[in-house]
C-alpha cells in the first residue's frame, strides 16, 4: 500500500524557545521541526537516525534553505536516463515496461481461459443431473474439516463428506464433496445420505440439497469473464502503448515545453497486511520502504495546430530526495509526434 506524506503546517519562530515534548526532533539536514514523532523527516525524507531531539530551552534557528535539484536554466529531465536522448547519443527513450505488462496480460488471459473451462464443466454436470439424475441412498464413509488462515489472521473452515453409492450398473462410486456445516454435523460416518447422480455418467453426483455445483458454476463463470476481459484489456492497452512509443521512436521530434506546476513528496510503502486499520498500525510500525516522487505539470505549443497542450506526469526520483522540485517556468524537452502522442523526457 502506498501512502503520501504531506509536509506538516507547524513552524517554529526563529530565535525563540520551543516548548515541546521529548518526542519532537529537529532534522539536522533541513532544519525542519517534526512534531508527530515519525521515523523520518516529513519535509526532506531523511531518516531520524542520529538526529537531535528538540529541547525546551534550545532556541531554534531559521532552517537552512533546501538545496535546489538542478540548474533551472537547463532543461529538466523527468527521467535522468533520457539524457542520452536529449543530447543526441540515443534516439529511443527509456523503455516503459511493455514486456512485463504483455506477460501479465497473457497470464491473466490464460487464467480466464482456465476459468472458462471450469465453468463449462460445471454447467455440463448440472445439465446432466437435470436430464438423467437419479436419487439414491449413499453411505458416509469419511469426513474431514479443512482450516485456513488469511493474512489478517482470520480463520475459515470447510467441511467435507465422502460417500459411497451403488448405481444402476451395479458399480460402487465414491465421491468427496464439500457440504454445509449442518449437513456435516447430522451425517456422521456410517450414516445414510441422499445423493443424486447422472445415470449417463455416475461419476457426476451431488448430495441432495447442497448447492455447491451451482455456486462453483456461477463463480467460475464470473471468474472467467473477469479474467478474459481484464487480460484482453491489458493486452490491447499495452499493444497500443507500445505502438505509440514506437511512433515516437520513429517519427518523434524534440520540442520545448515549460513546467507550470511541480511538487515533491515522500511516499510510504506498507505491506498489504498494514492496509487494515492503517491509522493505528502506522503509529507503531515502520513502512517497508519510502521513496521520493516528483509530480510535474507542463504545457507546450503544438507545432501542428498551434494549440496549447497540457499534460502531467510523475516519476520516482530518489536522487532528488530532500531537494526542491523544478519551479514553474523551468524548461522541458518533449518528444512529439502529434497532439495526442507526446511525452516529456
Protein backbone atom coordinates (compact mmCIF):
# COMPACT_ATOMS: atom_id res chain seq x y z
CA UNK A 1 0.00 0.00 0.00
CA UNK A 2 1.41 3.44 -0.98
CA UNK A 3 0.71 6.48 1.16
CA UNK A 4 1.50 10.10 0.55
CA UNK A 5 3.10 12.09 3.38
CA UNK A 6 2.25 15.78 3.21
CA UNK A 7 4.54 18.37 4.79
CA UNK A 8 3.34 19.49 8.24
CA UNK A 9 1.99 23.00 8.76
CA UNK A 10 3.68 23.53 12.13
CA UNK A 11 6.53 26.04 12.02
CA UNK A 12 8.82 27.43 14.72
CA UNK A 13 9.59 31.09 15.27
CA UNK A 14 13.33 31.71 14.64
CA UNK A 15 15.40 32.57 17.67
CA UNK A 16 12.78 31.60 20.29
CA UNK A 17 12.48 28.63 22.60
CA UNK A 18 10.02 25.97 21.56
CA UNK A 19 8.27 24.22 24.44
CA UNK A 20 7.52 20.69 23.23
CA UNK A 21 7.64 17.06 24.26
CA UNK A 22 10.72 14.87 24.12
CA UNK A 23 9.43 13.07 21.03
CA UNK A 24 9.79 16.19 18.89
CA UNK A 25 13.00 16.47 16.96
CA UNK A 26 14.71 18.80 14.54
CA UNK A 27 16.10 17.44 11.28
CA UNK A 28 19.80 18.21 11.01
CA UNK A 29 19.59 18.11 7.22
CA UNK A 30 16.91 20.73 6.54
CA UNK A 31 16.17 22.18 10.00
CA UNK A 32 12.51 21.18 9.98
CA UNK A 33 10.80 20.59 13.34
CA UNK A 34 8.99 17.25 13.33
CA UNK A 35 6.21 17.09 15.93
CA UNK A 36 4.44 13.83 15.03
CA UNK A 37 7.38 11.63 16.02
CA UNK A 38 7.79 9.87 12.65
CA UNK A 39 10.81 7.77 11.77
CA UNK A 40 11.94 10.23 9.10
CA UNK A 41 11.68 13.93 8.35
CA UNK A 42 8.29 14.80 6.84
CA UNK A 43 9.90 17.65 4.88
CA UNK A 44 13.02 16.16 3.31
CA UNK A 45 12.61 12.41 3.95
CA UNK A 46 15.90 11.85 5.75
CA UNK A 47 15.96 9.14 8.43
CA UNK A 48 15.72 10.14 12.08
CA UNK A 49 18.83 8.10 13.00
CA UNK A 50 21.49 10.31 14.62
CA UNK A 51 19.10 13.28 14.70
CA UNK A 52 19.00 15.61 17.68
CA UNK A 53 15.87 15.78 19.93
CA UNK A 54 14.26 19.16 20.38
CA UNK A 55 14.97 20.79 23.74
CA UNK A 56 12.55 23.07 25.65
CA UNK A 57 15.39 25.52 26.29
CA UNK A 58 17.21 25.23 22.97
CA UNK A 59 16.44 28.11 20.58
CA UNK A 60 15.67 27.05 17.07
CA UNK A 61 17.46 28.92 14.32
CA UNK A 62 15.94 29.55 10.91
CA UNK A 63 16.10 26.35 8.83
CA UNK A 64 18.68 26.46 6.06
CA UNK A 65 17.33 26.59 2.52
CA UNK A 66 16.90 23.21 0.87
CA UNK A 67 19.32 22.66 -1.96
CA UNK A 68 17.95 23.17 -5.46
CA UNK A 69 17.84 20.00 -7.51
CA UNK A 70 19.24 21.41 -10.75
CA UNK A 71 20.15 24.46 -12.79
CA UNK A 72 16.77 25.99 -13.65
CA UNK A 73 18.24 27.45 -16.85
CA UNK A 74 18.79 23.98 -18.29
CA UNK A 75 16.01 21.63 -19.50
CA UNK A 76 14.84 19.47 -16.62
CA UNK A 77 14.78 15.71 -17.18
CA UNK A 78 11.79 13.86 -15.72
CA UNK A 79 13.82 10.65 -16.07
CA UNK A 80 17.61 11.21 -15.97
CA UNK A 81 18.14 8.06 -18.06
CA UNK A 82 16.77 10.02 -21.03
CA UNK A 83 19.75 12.38 -21.03
CA UNK A 84 21.25 10.47 -23.95
CA UNK A 85 18.10 11.19 -25.99
CA UNK A 86 18.24 14.87 -25.13
CA UNK A 87 21.88 15.19 -26.16
CA UNK A 88 21.67 13.04 -29.27
CA UNK A 89 23.57 9.85 -28.38
CA UNK A 90 20.38 7.78 -28.35
CA UNK A 91 17.08 8.12 -30.20
CA UNK A 92 14.80 5.96 -28.08
CA UNK A 93 13.69 6.95 -24.54
CA UNK A 94 13.90 4.56 -21.63
CA UNK A 95 11.53 1.57 -22.16
CA UNK A 96 8.38 1.71 -20.06
CA UNK A 97 7.98 -1.97 -19.16
CA UNK A 98 5.72 -3.09 -22.01
CA UNK A 99 7.14 -6.62 -21.97
CA UNK A 100 6.21 -7.08 -18.33
CA UNK A 101 2.69 -5.81 -18.99
CA UNK A 102 2.32 -8.11 -22.01
CA UNK A 103 3.37 -11.04 -19.84
CA UNK A 104 0.89 -10.01 -17.15
CA UNK A 105 -1.89 -9.70 -19.73
CA UNK A 106 -1.14 -13.16 -21.09
CA UNK A 107 -1.16 -14.68 -17.60
CA UNK A 108 -4.49 -13.05 -16.72
CA UNK A 109 -5.99 -14.11 -20.06
CA UNK A 110 -4.83 -17.73 -19.65
CA UNK A 111 -6.23 -17.84 -16.11
CA UNK A 112 -9.50 -16.56 -17.53
CA UNK A 113 -9.49 -19.36 -20.11
CA UNK A 114 -8.94 -21.91 -17.35
CA UNK A 115 -11.89 -20.41 -15.52
CA UNK A 116 -13.93 -20.75 -18.71
CA UNK A 117 -13.04 -24.45 -18.90
CA UNK A 118 -14.09 -24.96 -15.27
CA UNK A 119 -17.35 -23.12 -15.91
CA UNK A 120 -18.14 -25.28 -18.96
CA UNK A 121 -17.54 -28.49 -16.97
CA UNK A 122 -19.65 -27.25 -14.04
CA UNK A 123 -22.60 -26.27 -16.23
CA UNK A 124 -22.35 -29.56 -18.14
CA UNK A 125 -22.54 -31.53 -14.88
CA UNK A 126 -25.57 -29.53 -13.78
CA UNK A 127 -27.27 -30.19 -17.13
CA UNK A 128 -26.52 -33.94 -16.87
CA UNK A 129 -28.06 -34.15 -13.42
CA UNK A 130 -31.09 -32.21 -14.64
CA UNK A 131 -31.66 -34.58 -17.60
CA UNK A 132 -30.80 -38.02 -16.20
CA UNK A 133 -30.47 -37.51 -12.45
CA UNK A 134 -31.48 -40.36 -10.14
CA UNK A 135 -31.71 -40.21 -6.35
CA UNK A 136 -30.21 -42.99 -4.28
CA UNK A 137 -29.20 -43.60 -0.68
CA UNK A 138 -25.44 -43.46 -0.12
CA UNK A 139 -23.29 -44.30 2.89
CA UNK A 140 -20.99 -41.73 4.50
CA UNK A 141 -17.58 -43.38 4.67
CA UNK A 142 -15.36 -40.47 5.71
CA UNK A 143 -15.45 -36.83 6.84
CA UNK A 144 -12.95 -34.07 7.44
CA UNK A 145 -12.64 -30.37 8.25
CA UNK A 146 -10.19 -28.11 6.41
CA UNK A 147 -9.00 -24.95 8.17
CA UNK A 148 -7.28 -22.00 6.50
CA UNK A 149 -6.00 -18.66 7.81
CA UNK A 150 -5.70 -15.49 5.73
CA UNK A 151 -3.05 -12.77 6.03
CA UNK A 152 -5.13 -10.87 8.60
CA UNK A 153 -5.33 -13.90 10.90
CA UNK A 154 -8.97 -14.69 10.14
CA UNK A 155 -9.73 -18.42 10.18
CA UNK A 156 -12.23 -20.17 7.93
CA UNK A 157 -13.27 -23.83 7.84
CA UNK A 158 -14.69 -26.06 5.11
CA UNK A 159 -16.45 -29.33 5.91
CA UNK A 160 -16.31 -32.39 3.64
CA UNK A 161 -18.15 -35.70 3.44
CA UNK A 162 -17.07 -38.74 1.43
CA UNK A 163 -19.91 -41.03 0.41
CA UNK A 164 -20.33 -44.31 -1.49
CA UNK A 165 -23.34 -45.35 -3.56
CA UNK A 166 -24.30 -48.11 -5.99
CA UNK A 167 -25.52 -47.02 -9.42
CA UNK A 168 -27.76 -48.76 -11.96
CA UNK A 169 -24.76 -50.55 -13.44
CA UNK A 170 -24.24 -52.27 -10.05
CA UNK A 171 -20.90 -50.50 -9.63
CA UNK A 172 -19.94 -48.59 -6.47
CA UNK A 173 -18.83 -44.96 -6.78
CA UNK A 174 -17.11 -42.80 -4.18
CA UNK A 175 -17.02 -39.02 -4.06
CA UNK A 176 -15.84 -36.38 -1.62
CA UNK A 177 -17.93 -33.20 -1.55
CA UNK A 178 -17.90 -30.01 0.49
CA UNK A 179 -21.14 -29.59 2.43
CA UNK A 180 -22.78 -27.16 4.81
CA UNK A 181 -21.87 -27.44 8.49
CA UNK A 182 -25.41 -28.59 9.37
CA UNK A 183 -25.21 -31.40 6.81
CA UNK A 184 -21.78 -32.37 8.14
CA UNK A 185 -22.96 -32.45 11.76
CA UNK A 186 -26.08 -34.50 11.00
CA UNK A 187 -24.30 -37.18 8.96
CA UNK A 188 -21.58 -39.00 10.92
CA UNK A 189 -19.51 -41.77 9.37
CA UNK A 190 -21.68 -44.81 8.69
CA UNK A 191 -24.92 -42.85 8.32
CA UNK A 192 -27.09 -42.73 5.21
CA UNK A 193 -27.34 -39.66 2.99
CA UNK A 194 -29.42 -38.96 -0.13
CA UNK A 195 -27.42 -38.21 -3.27
CA UNK A 196 -28.28 -37.63 -6.91
CA UNK A 197 -26.19 -39.00 -9.76
CA UNK A 198 -26.40 -38.79 -13.54
CA UNK A 199 -27.48 -42.13 -15.00
CA UNK A 200 -25.44 -41.37 -18.11
CA UNK A 201 -22.35 -40.57 -16.01
CA UNK A 202 -22.39 -41.90 -12.40
CA UNK A 203 -19.13 -40.09 -11.65
CA UNK A 204 -21.25 -36.93 -11.70
CA UNK A 205 -23.07 -36.90 -8.37
CA UNK A 206 -24.03 -34.50 -5.61
CA UNK A 207 -25.62 -34.51 -2.16
CA UNK A 208 -29.29 -33.58 -2.50
CA UNK A 209 -29.98 -30.12 -1.10
CA UNK A 210 -26.39 -28.90 -1.47
CA UNK A 211 -25.77 -26.10 -3.96
CA UNK A 212 -22.02 -26.35 -4.33
CA UNK A 213 -22.17 -27.26 -8.03
CA UNK A 214 -24.29 -24.21 -8.84
CA UNK A 215 -22.05 -21.99 -6.72
CA UNK A 216 -18.97 -23.37 -8.48
CA UNK A 217 -20.57 -22.84 -11.88
CA UNK A 218 -21.55 -19.23 -11.23
CA UNK A 219 -18.26 -18.39 -9.50
CA UNK A 220 -16.15 -19.89 -12.30
CA UNK A 221 -18.28 -18.09 -14.90
CA UNK A 222 -17.71 -14.74 -13.21
CA UNK A 223 -14.02 -15.53 -12.74
CA UNK A 224 -13.71 -16.46 -16.41
CA UNK A 225 -15.42 -13.28 -17.60
CA UNK A 226 -13.25 -11.07 -15.41
CA UNK A 227 -10.05 -12.90 -16.40
CA UNK A 228 -10.71 -12.89 -20.14
CA UNK A 229 -11.92 -9.27 -20.25
CA UNK A 230 -9.12 -8.00 -17.99
CA UNK A 231 -6.50 -9.97 -19.93
CA UNK A 232 -7.72 -8.62 -23.28
CA UNK A 233 -7.84 -5.09 -21.86
CA UNK A 234 -4.25 -5.30 -20.59
CA UNK A 235 -3.02 -6.80 -23.87
CA UNK A 236 -4.80 -4.22 -26.05
CA UNK A 237 -3.77 -1.31 -23.84
CA UNK A 238 -0.15 -2.47 -23.77
CA UNK A 239 -0.09 -3.03 -27.52
CA UNK A 240 -1.49 0.47 -28.08
CA UNK A 241 1.09 1.96 -25.71
CA UNK A 242 3.91 0.08 -27.44
CA UNK A 243 2.66 1.30 -30.82
CA UNK A 244 2.65 4.91 -29.60
CA UNK A 245 6.17 4.52 -28.21
CA UNK A 246 7.35 3.06 -31.50
CA UNK A 247 5.81 6.01 -33.35
CA UNK A 248 7.69 8.43 -31.08
CA UNK A 249 10.89 6.49 -31.73
CA UNK A 250 10.45 6.57 -35.50
CA UNK A 251 8.80 9.92 -36.12
CA UNK A 252 9.15 11.96 -32.91
CA UNK A 253 10.96 15.27 -32.78
CA UNK A 254 12.20 17.22 -29.78
CA UNK A 255 10.32 20.43 -28.98
CA UNK A 256 10.33 22.77 -25.99
CA UNK A 257 7.84 22.77 -23.12
CA UNK A 258 7.52 24.67 -19.85
CA UNK A 259 6.73 23.46 -16.35
CA UNK A 260 3.57 25.08 -14.97
CA UNK A 261 3.37 23.29 -11.63
CA UNK A 262 5.56 20.90 -9.65
CA UNK A 263 5.55 19.05 -6.38
CA UNK A 264 7.76 16.61 -4.49
CA UNK A 265 6.56 14.19 -1.84
CA UNK A 266 7.88 11.37 0.28
CA UNK A 267 5.92 8.19 -0.42
CA UNK A 268 5.47 5.38 2.10
CA UNK A 269 5.02 1.77 1.02
CA UNK A 270 3.39 -0.57 3.52
CA UNK A 271 2.90 -4.31 3.38
CA UNK A 272 -0.58 -5.47 2.37
CA UNK A 273 -1.41 -6.53 5.91
CA UNK A 274 -0.85 -2.93 7.04
CA UNK A 275 -3.74 -1.69 4.92
CA UNK A 276 -6.41 -2.53 7.54
CA UNK A 277 -6.74 -0.12 10.47
CA UNK A 278 -3.79 1.74 9.00
CA UNK A 279 -4.32 4.73 11.25
CA UNK A 280 -3.45 2.55 14.25
CA UNK A 281 -0.86 0.30 12.66
CA UNK A 282 1.24 3.08 11.17
CA UNK A 283 1.76 4.60 14.59
CA UNK A 284 3.58 1.51 15.79
CA UNK A 285 5.05 0.05 12.58
CA UNK A 286 7.51 1.49 10.11
CA UNK A 287 6.78 1.43 6.38
CA UNK A 288 8.51 -1.26 4.36
CA UNK A 289 10.35 1.44 2.44
CA UNK A 290 9.99 5.05 1.30
CA UNK A 291 10.79 6.81 -1.95
CA UNK A 292 10.84 10.35 -3.30
CA UNK A 293 8.33 11.18 -6.02
CA UNK A 294 8.10 14.30 -8.15
CA UNK A 295 4.93 15.44 -9.92
CA UNK A 296 5.22 17.83 -12.85
CA UNK A 297 2.58 19.59 -14.95
CA UNK A 298 3.77 21.14 -18.20
CA UNK A 299 2.50 22.83 -21.33
CA UNK A 300 3.72 23.24 -24.89
CA UNK A 301 2.57 24.83 -28.11
CA UNK A 302 1.58 22.31 -30.76
CA UNK A 303 3.68 22.56 -33.95
CA UNK A 304 0.69 21.20 -35.90
CA UNK A 305 -2.36 23.05 -34.59
CA UNK A 306 -0.85 25.91 -32.60
CA UNK A 307 -2.92 24.90 -29.58
CA UNK A 308 -1.56 24.92 -26.05
CA UNK A 309 -1.24 21.31 -24.91
CA UNK A 310 -1.08 20.38 -21.24
CA UNK A 311 -0.09 17.17 -19.52
CA UNK A 312 1.05 15.90 -16.10
CA UNK A 313 3.48 13.16 -15.16
CA UNK A 314 5.03 11.61 -12.06
CA UNK A 315 8.39 9.93 -11.60
CA UNK A 316 10.24 8.25 -8.78
CA UNK A 317 13.42 10.28 -8.13
CA UNK A 318 15.30 9.13 -5.06
CA UNK A 319 18.30 11.08 -6.31
CA UNK A 320 16.35 14.30 -5.58
CA UNK A 321 15.29 13.29 -2.06
CA UNK A 322 15.07 16.36 0.15
CA UNK A 323 15.58 18.78 -2.73
CA UNK A 324 13.28 21.37 -4.23
CA UNK A 325 11.23 20.35 -7.29
CA UNK A 326 11.69 22.33 -10.51
CA UNK A 327 9.80 25.64 -10.22
CA UNK A 328 7.23 26.89 -12.76
CA UNK A 329 8.89 28.26 -15.85
CA UNK A 330 11.61 25.60 -15.93
CA UNK A 331 12.15 24.35 -19.50
CA UNK A 332 11.48 20.76 -20.54
CA UNK A 333 12.09 18.82 -23.73
CA UNK A 334 9.24 16.81 -25.19
CA UNK A 335 9.35 14.04 -27.78
CA UNK A 336 6.42 14.96 -30.03
CA UNK A 337 4.59 13.10 -32.82
CA UNK A 338 1.17 14.75 -32.82
CA UNK A 339 -1.24 16.44 -30.42
CA UNK A 340 -2.21 13.08 -28.88
CA UNK A 341 1.19 11.39 -28.82
CA UNK A 342 3.95 13.17 -26.94
CA UNK A 343 5.91 12.67 -23.73
CA UNK A 344 8.36 14.66 -21.63
CA UNK A 345 11.87 13.28 -21.37
